[in-house]
C-alpha cells in the first residue's frame, strides 16, 4: 500500500483524521489517489481528489475553469491553475483544515495553466505571460510567506505552457508554445504566421538558460504544449498544429538537455485520427511507455518509449486527462468517463461531473 502512504505524506499530517467517514472509507478502498479539475453538472467549476476506484475523497470549488494541478508533500499544499489565459490560481490544503486561498496574477501577467513546487516545497513556480511584451516568464512565489510573488525568470520564448522539474531537482524543462495571447482578446492566437515554439532547459536556481531546442523552421506552426519525462530523462512532448488543416505533421517527440530534439514517426492513420492536436502527455510508472491523448480526435495512443512505436490505440470521446497507475494509465474525458488503458485493468466509469484536460497522480 505504498502508494496510499505516499499520498498521505503529500497531503500532510492529519489528513485522514480530517475526513468525514464516507471520505475516509473512500481513501481506505483505494491504493492510488488522483487529482483533476472538473466541471459539475450544474456548470460550476472545481477540483477533486479521487481514488483509483472512482471514489471522491475531497473536493474544492474554483472561481472559473481550472487546468492543471500540482501538489507538494513538503509544502502540504496543492495548487490548481486557471486555464490560460487565466488570472487565478487556488492554493488548497489537501487535508481540508484550512480554507483555499486564491492568488491573482499581477498586473501585466496571466497564468498559462501549469506550475511546480521546488523540491523543498518553499517555492512555487508558474508559467506566465508578460503579455504586453509577448514574452514568457516563470513567476516565483514564496510558499512560506502567503505565496507572495518574489520574482520571475524568462522562459526565452513566447506562450510557455507546461513546465516540469527534471529528476535532478535543479533543471526546469519548459514548453514554449510560441503563440502570443492577450487577455483583451480572450483565447485568440495573435501571431500564427510568426510562431516560434521551443523546448528550453532552465536552471531553477538563477534562471539561466541551459539550452533551447527548436524543430526545423518549416514546422514553426507546431506549437509544443505538454510534456512528461521518461526513464532515460528525455522530455517527451505533444504538439498542436496551427497551420493548414490539410497538413498532417508529426505531433509527438522528445528533447534532451544535451541538445537532441526529434519527432517520432507515428503511422499515417494514427496521425490523421489525432487531428493535429495532442492534449496531454504521460509516462508510465516504470518510465517505459508514453501515452498521449487527443480530445479533438477522441483518441488515446500508448507508445513504447524505447522504440518510438505505438503499442495501443484506443478511442475515448473527448478524452484528454492521463496519469500513470501501477500497470498502465488512467484516462479521463470531458464526458465524465474514466477508463484504464495499456495494461490498466479497470471498468469504464461514468461520473456526474466532466473532467478537464489533465489528471495528476498524487504521491
Protein backbone atom coordinates (compact mmCIF):
# COMPACT_ATOMS: atom_id res chain seq x y z
CA UNK A 1 0.00 0.00 0.00
CA UNK A 2 2.98 2.30 -0.50
CA UNK A 3 1.02 4.46 -2.93
CA UNK A 4 -1.54 5.40 -0.27
CA UNK A 5 1.26 6.16 2.17
CA UNK A 6 2.89 8.40 -0.42
CA UNK A 7 -0.37 10.26 -0.86
CA UNK A 8 -0.85 10.69 2.88
CA UNK A 9 2.65 12.11 3.08
CA UNK A 10 1.83 14.53 0.26
CA UNK A 11 -1.45 15.51 1.92
CA UNK A 12 0.25 16.23 5.23
CA UNK A 13 -0.16 15.01 8.78
CA UNK A 14 -3.73 14.77 9.95
CA UNK A 15 -5.33 14.41 6.52
CA UNK A 16 -7.06 11.12 7.33
CA UNK A 17 -8.25 12.42 10.69
CA UNK A 18 -9.88 15.39 8.96
CA UNK A 19 -12.05 13.28 6.66
CA UNK A 20 -15.71 12.51 7.09
CA UNK A 21 -16.49 8.79 7.50
CA UNK A 22 -17.51 8.37 3.85
CA UNK A 23 -14.35 10.14 2.70
CA UNK A 24 -12.17 8.02 4.96
CA UNK A 25 -13.83 4.88 3.59
CA UNK A 26 -13.09 6.10 0.07
CA UNK A 27 -9.42 6.57 0.96
CA UNK A 28 -9.20 3.14 2.59
CA UNK A 29 -10.72 1.49 -0.50
CA UNK A 30 -8.10 2.90 -2.87
CA UNK A 31 -4.38 2.41 -3.23
CA UNK A 32 -3.86 5.29 -5.68
CA UNK A 33 -5.08 8.87 -5.49
CA UNK A 34 -5.57 11.23 -8.42
CA UNK A 35 -6.43 14.89 -8.79
CA UNK A 36 -8.25 16.70 -11.57
CA UNK A 37 -10.06 19.92 -12.35
CA UNK A 38 -13.73 19.29 -13.15
CA UNK A 39 -16.97 20.94 -14.18
CA UNK A 40 -20.12 19.91 -12.33
CA UNK A 41 -23.44 19.02 -13.92
CA UNK A 42 -24.69 22.43 -12.72
CA UNK A 43 -21.98 24.15 -14.76
CA UNK A 44 -19.80 25.13 -11.79
CA UNK A 45 -16.05 24.55 -11.63
CA UNK A 46 -13.98 22.70 -9.05
CA UNK A 47 -11.19 20.21 -8.41
CA UNK A 48 -11.40 16.73 -6.92
CA UNK A 49 -9.15 14.21 -5.19
CA UNK A 50 -10.32 10.74 -6.07
CA UNK A 51 -9.23 7.14 -5.69
CA UNK A 52 -8.45 4.71 -8.46
CA UNK A 53 -11.85 3.07 -7.95
CA UNK A 54 -13.54 6.38 -8.64
CA UNK A 55 -14.37 7.28 -5.04
CA UNK A 56 -14.30 11.05 -4.46
CA UNK A 57 -12.17 11.73 -1.37
CA UNK A 58 -12.40 15.53 -1.27
CA UNK A 59 -13.20 18.49 -3.50
CA UNK A 60 -12.90 22.27 -3.67
CA UNK A 61 -14.73 24.97 -5.62
CA UNK A 62 -12.96 27.14 -8.21
CA UNK A 63 -13.96 30.61 -9.43
CA UNK A 64 -13.69 29.55 -13.07
CA UNK A 65 -12.32 26.75 -15.21
CA UNK A 66 -9.19 25.08 -13.86
CA UNK A 67 -6.45 23.36 -15.81
CA UNK A 68 -3.52 21.52 -14.24
CA UNK A 69 -2.75 20.77 -10.56
CA UNK A 70 0.47 20.41 -8.60
CA UNK A 71 0.82 19.08 -5.03
CA UNK A 72 3.83 19.22 -2.71
CA UNK A 73 4.33 16.85 0.22
CA UNK A 74 6.86 19.24 1.73
CA UNK A 75 4.57 22.27 1.48
CA UNK A 76 1.49 20.26 2.45
CA UNK A 77 -0.41 22.17 -0.23
CA UNK A 78 -1.76 21.80 -3.73
CA UNK A 79 -2.36 24.44 -6.38
CA UNK A 80 -4.94 24.48 -9.17
CA UNK A 81 -4.03 26.79 -12.04
CA UNK A 82 -6.61 28.56 -14.19
CA UNK A 83 -6.92 27.61 -17.82
CA UNK A 84 -4.87 30.02 -19.93
CA UNK A 85 -5.12 32.93 -20.27
CA UNK A 86 -6.33 32.86 -16.67
CA UNK A 87 -5.66 35.25 -13.82
CA UNK A 88 -6.12 32.99 -10.76
CA UNK A 89 -4.52 30.04 -9.02
CA UNK A 90 -6.11 28.37 -5.99
CA UNK A 91 -3.88 27.10 -3.19
CA UNK A 92 -5.59 24.36 -1.17
CA UNK A 93 -4.89 22.21 1.84
CA UNK A 94 -5.44 18.55 0.80
CA UNK A 95 -6.40 17.80 4.41
CA UNK A 96 -9.13 20.43 4.30
CA UNK A 97 -8.01 22.00 7.57
CA UNK A 98 -7.65 25.46 6.05
CA UNK A 99 -9.79 27.26 3.50
CA UNK A 100 -8.44 27.57 -0.04
CA UNK A 101 -6.61 30.79 -0.90
CA UNK A 102 -6.97 32.38 -4.33
CA UNK A 103 -3.91 34.00 -5.89
CA UNK A 104 -4.37 36.66 -8.56
CA UNK A 105 -1.80 37.23 -11.28
CA UNK A 106 -0.01 40.56 -11.02
CA UNK A 107 -0.73 43.40 -13.42
CA UNK A 108 0.65 42.67 -16.86
CA UNK A 109 0.77 38.89 -16.40
CA UNK A 110 -1.57 35.94 -16.81
CA UNK A 111 -1.18 32.27 -15.96
CA UNK A 112 -0.74 29.51 -18.52
CA UNK A 113 -2.29 26.67 -16.54
CA UNK A 114 0.80 24.91 -15.19
CA UNK A 115 3.37 25.09 -12.42
CA UNK A 116 5.53 23.12 -9.99
CA UNK A 117 6.91 23.36 -6.46
CA UNK A 118 10.59 23.36 -5.56
CA UNK A 119 11.79 20.06 -4.06
CA UNK A 120 11.69 21.52 -0.53
CA UNK A 121 8.20 22.98 -1.04
CA UNK A 122 9.34 26.51 -0.20
CA UNK A 123 8.79 27.99 -3.66
CA UNK A 124 6.03 27.69 -6.24
CA UNK A 125 6.81 28.34 -9.89
CA UNK A 126 4.17 29.09 -12.55
CA UNK A 127 4.30 29.62 -16.31
CA UNK A 128 3.02 33.09 -17.09
CA UNK A 129 2.85 35.62 -19.90
CA UNK A 130 4.21 39.14 -19.91
CA UNK A 131 1.54 39.85 -22.48
CA UNK A 132 2.45 43.44 -23.38
CA UNK A 133 5.98 42.32 -24.30
CA UNK A 134 4.75 38.97 -25.73
CA UNK A 135 7.30 37.01 -23.72
CA UNK A 136 7.02 34.07 -21.38
CA UNK A 137 8.10 34.13 -17.75
CA UNK A 138 8.20 31.78 -14.78
CA UNK A 139 6.60 33.52 -11.81
CA UNK A 140 8.18 32.68 -8.44
CA UNK A 141 6.05 32.56 -5.27
CA UNK A 142 7.17 32.17 -1.66
CA UNK A 143 5.12 29.31 -0.18
CA UNK A 144 6.39 30.19 3.29
CA UNK A 145 5.05 33.77 3.11
CA UNK A 146 1.47 33.55 1.87
CA UNK A 147 2.54 32.80 -1.70
CA UNK A 148 3.86 36.32 -2.17
CA UNK A 149 5.29 36.78 -5.66
CA UNK A 150 9.03 37.32 -5.22
CA UNK A 151 10.37 37.36 -8.76
CA UNK A 152 10.39 35.82 -12.21
CA UNK A 153 12.65 34.18 -14.79
CA UNK A 154 12.31 34.45 -18.57
CA UNK A 155 11.32 31.31 -20.48
CA UNK A 156 13.27 32.57 -23.51
CA UNK A 157 10.19 32.33 -25.70
CA UNK A 158 6.51 33.14 -26.13
CA UNK A 159 3.49 31.30 -24.79
CA UNK A 160 5.04 28.95 -22.23
CA UNK A 161 2.70 26.13 -21.33
CA UNK A 162 3.70 23.08 -19.30
CA UNK A 163 6.83 23.14 -17.16
CA UNK A 164 8.38 20.19 -15.35
CA UNK A 165 11.16 19.82 -12.81
CA UNK A 166 13.66 17.27 -14.09
CA UNK A 167 14.78 14.37 -11.83
CA UNK A 168 17.93 16.29 -10.82
CA UNK A 169 15.72 18.73 -8.86
CA UNK A 170 17.58 21.65 -10.43
CA UNK A 171 16.57 21.84 -14.09
CA UNK A 172 13.26 23.07 -15.43
CA UNK A 173 12.09 21.95 -18.84
CA UNK A 174 9.53 24.32 -20.34
CA UNK A 175 7.40 24.01 -23.48
CA UNK A 176 7.24 27.40 -25.17
CA UNK A 177 4.18 27.05 -27.38
CA UNK A 178 5.26 30.02 -29.48
CA UNK A 179 1.80 31.61 -29.56
CA UNK A 180 1.11 35.19 -28.44
CA UNK A 181 -2.09 35.80 -26.46
CA UNK A 182 -3.53 38.84 -24.67
CA UNK A 183 -6.35 38.97 -22.10
CA UNK A 184 -8.08 41.69 -24.12
CA UNK A 185 -8.61 39.12 -26.88
CA UNK A 186 -9.53 36.06 -24.81
CA UNK A 187 -8.04 32.89 -26.24
CA UNK A 188 -7.35 34.44 -29.67
CA UNK A 189 -3.96 33.44 -31.10
CA UNK A 190 -2.31 36.60 -32.36
CA UNK A 191 0.85 35.56 -34.22
CA UNK A 192 0.23 32.32 -36.09
CA UNK A 193 2.35 33.42 -39.07
CA UNK A 194 5.39 34.15 -36.89
CA UNK A 195 5.14 31.43 -34.22
CA UNK A 196 8.43 30.32 -32.64
CA UNK A 197 7.91 27.23 -30.43
CA UNK A 198 10.78 25.70 -28.48
CA UNK A 199 11.74 23.43 -25.61
CA UNK A 200 14.01 25.11 -23.08
CA UNK A 201 16.05 23.84 -20.16
CA UNK A 202 16.49 26.40 -17.36
CA UNK A 203 18.42 26.32 -14.07
CA UNK A 204 15.80 26.96 -11.40
CA UNK A 205 18.39 28.40 -9.01
CA UNK A 206 19.13 31.54 -11.04
CA UNK A 207 17.05 31.27 -14.21
CA UNK A 208 19.93 30.99 -16.64
CA UNK A 209 19.32 29.23 -19.94
CA UNK A 210 20.93 25.79 -20.16
CA UNK A 211 19.68 25.05 -23.66
CA UNK A 212 16.96 25.92 -26.17
CA UNK A 213 15.81 23.48 -28.84
CA UNK A 214 13.65 24.08 -31.90
CA UNK A 215 12.25 21.85 -34.59
CA UNK A 216 13.09 22.64 -38.22
CA UNK A 217 11.90 26.03 -39.46
CA UNK A 218 9.20 24.52 -41.66
CA UNK A 219 7.45 23.31 -38.50
CA UNK A 220 7.25 26.73 -36.81
CA UNK A 221 3.45 26.41 -36.55
CA UNK A 222 3.77 23.22 -34.49
CA UNK A 223 3.01 24.53 -31.00
CA UNK A 224 4.75 22.48 -28.29
CA UNK A 225 2.42 22.27 -25.26
CA UNK A 226 2.59 19.30 -22.86
CA UNK A 227 5.37 17.04 -21.61
CA UNK A 228 6.39 14.08 -19.45
CA UNK A 229 9.83 12.68 -18.59
CA UNK A 230 10.69 9.05 -19.34
CA UNK A 231 13.07 6.61 -17.61
CA UNK A 232 16.02 7.90 -19.65
CA UNK A 233 15.42 11.52 -18.68
CA UNK A 234 14.03 12.53 -22.05
CA UNK A 235 11.26 15.13 -22.08
CA UNK A 236 8.51 13.78 -24.33
CA UNK A 237 6.25 16.45 -25.80
CA UNK A 238 2.96 16.67 -27.65
CA UNK A 239 2.10 19.38 -30.17
CA UNK A 240 -0.89 21.24 -31.57
CA UNK A 241 -0.58 22.27 -35.21
CA UNK A 242 -1.76 25.74 -36.18
CA UNK A 243 -1.11 25.56 -39.91
CA UNK A 244 -3.39 24.47 -42.73
CA UNK A 245 -5.91 21.79 -41.66
CA UNK A 246 -4.96 19.78 -44.73
CA UNK A 247 -1.42 19.37 -43.39
CA UNK A 248 -0.62 16.42 -41.16
CA UNK A 249 2.79 16.87 -39.47
CA UNK A 250 4.09 14.51 -36.81
CA UNK A 251 2.92 15.59 -33.35
CA UNK A 252 4.93 13.66 -30.74
CA UNK A 253 8.62 13.78 -29.95
CA UNK A 254 11.24 14.19 -27.26
CA UNK A 255 14.01 16.57 -26.25
CA UNK A 256 17.10 16.12 -24.08
CA UNK A 257 19.18 18.52 -22.02
CA UNK A 258 22.27 17.62 -24.07
CA UNK A 259 20.74 19.04 -27.23
CA UNK A 260 18.69 16.39 -29.05
CA UNK A 261 15.17 17.09 -30.29
CA UNK A 262 13.22 14.89 -32.68
CA UNK A 263 9.73 13.87 -33.70
CA UNK A 264 8.86 10.18 -33.84
CA UNK A 265 7.09 8.70 -36.84
CA UNK A 266 3.52 7.76 -35.98
CA UNK A 267 1.58 5.76 -38.57
CA UNK A 268 -0.41 7.85 -41.05
CA UNK A 269 -3.79 6.55 -39.84
CA UNK A 270 -2.98 7.30 -36.20
CA UNK A 271 -1.65 10.73 -37.09
CA UNK A 272 -4.77 11.53 -39.10
CA UNK A 273 -7.02 10.48 -36.23
CA UNK A 274 -5.16 12.74 -33.76
CA UNK A 275 -6.46 15.65 -35.88
CA UNK A 276 -3.37 17.80 -35.40
CA UNK A 277 -3.92 18.02 -31.64
CA UNK A 278 -2.27 16.40 -28.61
CA UNK A 279 -3.89 17.42 -25.33
CA UNK A 280 -1.94 15.54 -22.63
CA UNK A 281 1.24 13.51 -22.29
CA UNK A 282 2.04 11.00 -19.52
CA UNK A 283 4.72 8.41 -18.83
CA UNK A 284 4.07 5.02 -17.20
CA UNK A 285 5.23 4.25 -13.66
CA UNK A 286 8.28 2.38 -14.98
CA UNK A 287 9.09 5.16 -17.45
CA UNK A 288 8.95 2.83 -20.44
CA UNK A 289 5.66 3.80 -22.07
CA UNK A 290 4.42 7.22 -23.18
CA UNK A 291 0.71 7.96 -23.58
CA UNK A 292 -0.77 10.88 -25.50
CA UNK A 293 -4.38 11.97 -25.92
CA UNK A 294 -6.41 13.96 -28.43
CA UNK A 295 -9.80 15.29 -27.33
CA UNK A 296 -10.19 16.63 -30.87
CA UNK A 297 -9.75 13.17 -32.34
CA UNK A 298 -11.26 11.17 -29.44
CA UNK A 299 -8.03 9.17 -29.42
CA UNK A 300 -5.58 7.71 -26.90
CA UNK A 301 -2.19 6.38 -28.04
CA UNK A 302 0.38 4.46 -25.97
CA UNK A 303 3.93 4.46 -27.34
CA UNK A 304 6.95 2.30 -26.50
CA UNK A 305 9.45 4.92 -25.34
CA UNK A 306 12.49 2.90 -26.40
CA UNK A 307 11.39 2.15 -29.95
CA UNK A 308 9.04 5.10 -30.52
CA UNK A 309 6.29 2.80 -31.81
CA UNK A 310 2.59 2.76 -30.84
CA UNK A 311 1.62 -0.27 -28.78
CA UNK A 312 -2.04 0.67 -28.32
CA UNK A 313 -4.57 2.95 -29.97
CA UNK A 314 -7.97 3.37 -28.31
CA UNK A 315 -10.91 5.72 -28.68
CA UNK A 316 -12.36 7.82 -25.85
CA UNK A 317 -14.81 10.56 -26.71
CA UNK A 318 -13.34 13.94 -25.67
CA UNK A 319 -10.61 12.07 -23.80
CA UNK A 320 -7.68 14.11 -22.58
CA UNK A 321 -6.58 13.51 -18.95
CA UNK A 322 -3.84 10.91 -18.49
CA UNK A 323 -1.95 9.62 -15.44
CA UNK A 324 0.09 6.52 -14.72
CA UNK A 325 -1.27 3.86 -12.41
CA UNK A 326 0.57 0.73 -11.28
CA UNK A 327 0.27 -1.15 -14.57
CA UNK A 328 -0.75 1.32 -17.26
CA UNK A 329 -2.66 4.57 -17.43
CA UNK A 330 -5.89 6.13 -16.22
CA UNK A 331 -7.60 8.22 -18.90
CA UNK A 332 -10.42 10.70 -18.31
CA UNK A 333 -12.77 12.61 -20.56
CA UNK A 334 -14.83 15.75 -20.85
CA UNK A 335 -17.84 13.45 -20.97
CA UNK A 336 -17.21 12.40 -17.36
CA UNK A 337 -15.71 8.99 -18.12
CA UNK A 338 -12.63 7.26 -16.68
CA UNK A 339 -11.06 4.16 -18.22
CA UNK A 340 -7.83 2.17 -17.97
CA UNK A 341 -5.51 1.62 -20.93
CA UNK A 342 -2.18 -0.03 -21.78
CA UNK A 343 -2.32 -2.66 -19.07
CA UNK A 344 -4.52 -0.88 -16.53
CA UNK A 345 -7.45 -3.21 -16.00
CA UNK A 346 -10.45 -1.24 -14.79
CA UNK A 347 -14.08 -0.96 -15.80
CA UNK A 348 -15.24 2.15 -17.60
CA UNK A 349 -16.83 4.52 -15.07
CA UNK A 350 -19.17 7.48 -15.53
CA UNK A 351 -19.34 10.45 -13.14
CA UNK A 352 -21.78 13.31 -12.63
CA UNK A 353 -19.05 15.82 -13.48
CA UNK A 354 -16.84 16.27 -16.52
CA UNK A 355 -13.06 16.08 -16.29
CA UNK A 356 -10.82 18.84 -17.53
CA UNK A 357 -7.70 18.26 -19.61
CA UNK A 358 -5.29 16.87 -17.04
CA UNK A 359 -5.10 14.17 -14.40
CA UNK A 360 -2.41 14.11 -11.70
CA UNK A 361 -1.32 11.02 -9.81
CA UNK A 362 -0.66 12.28 -6.26
CA UNK A 363 2.38 10.89 -4.47
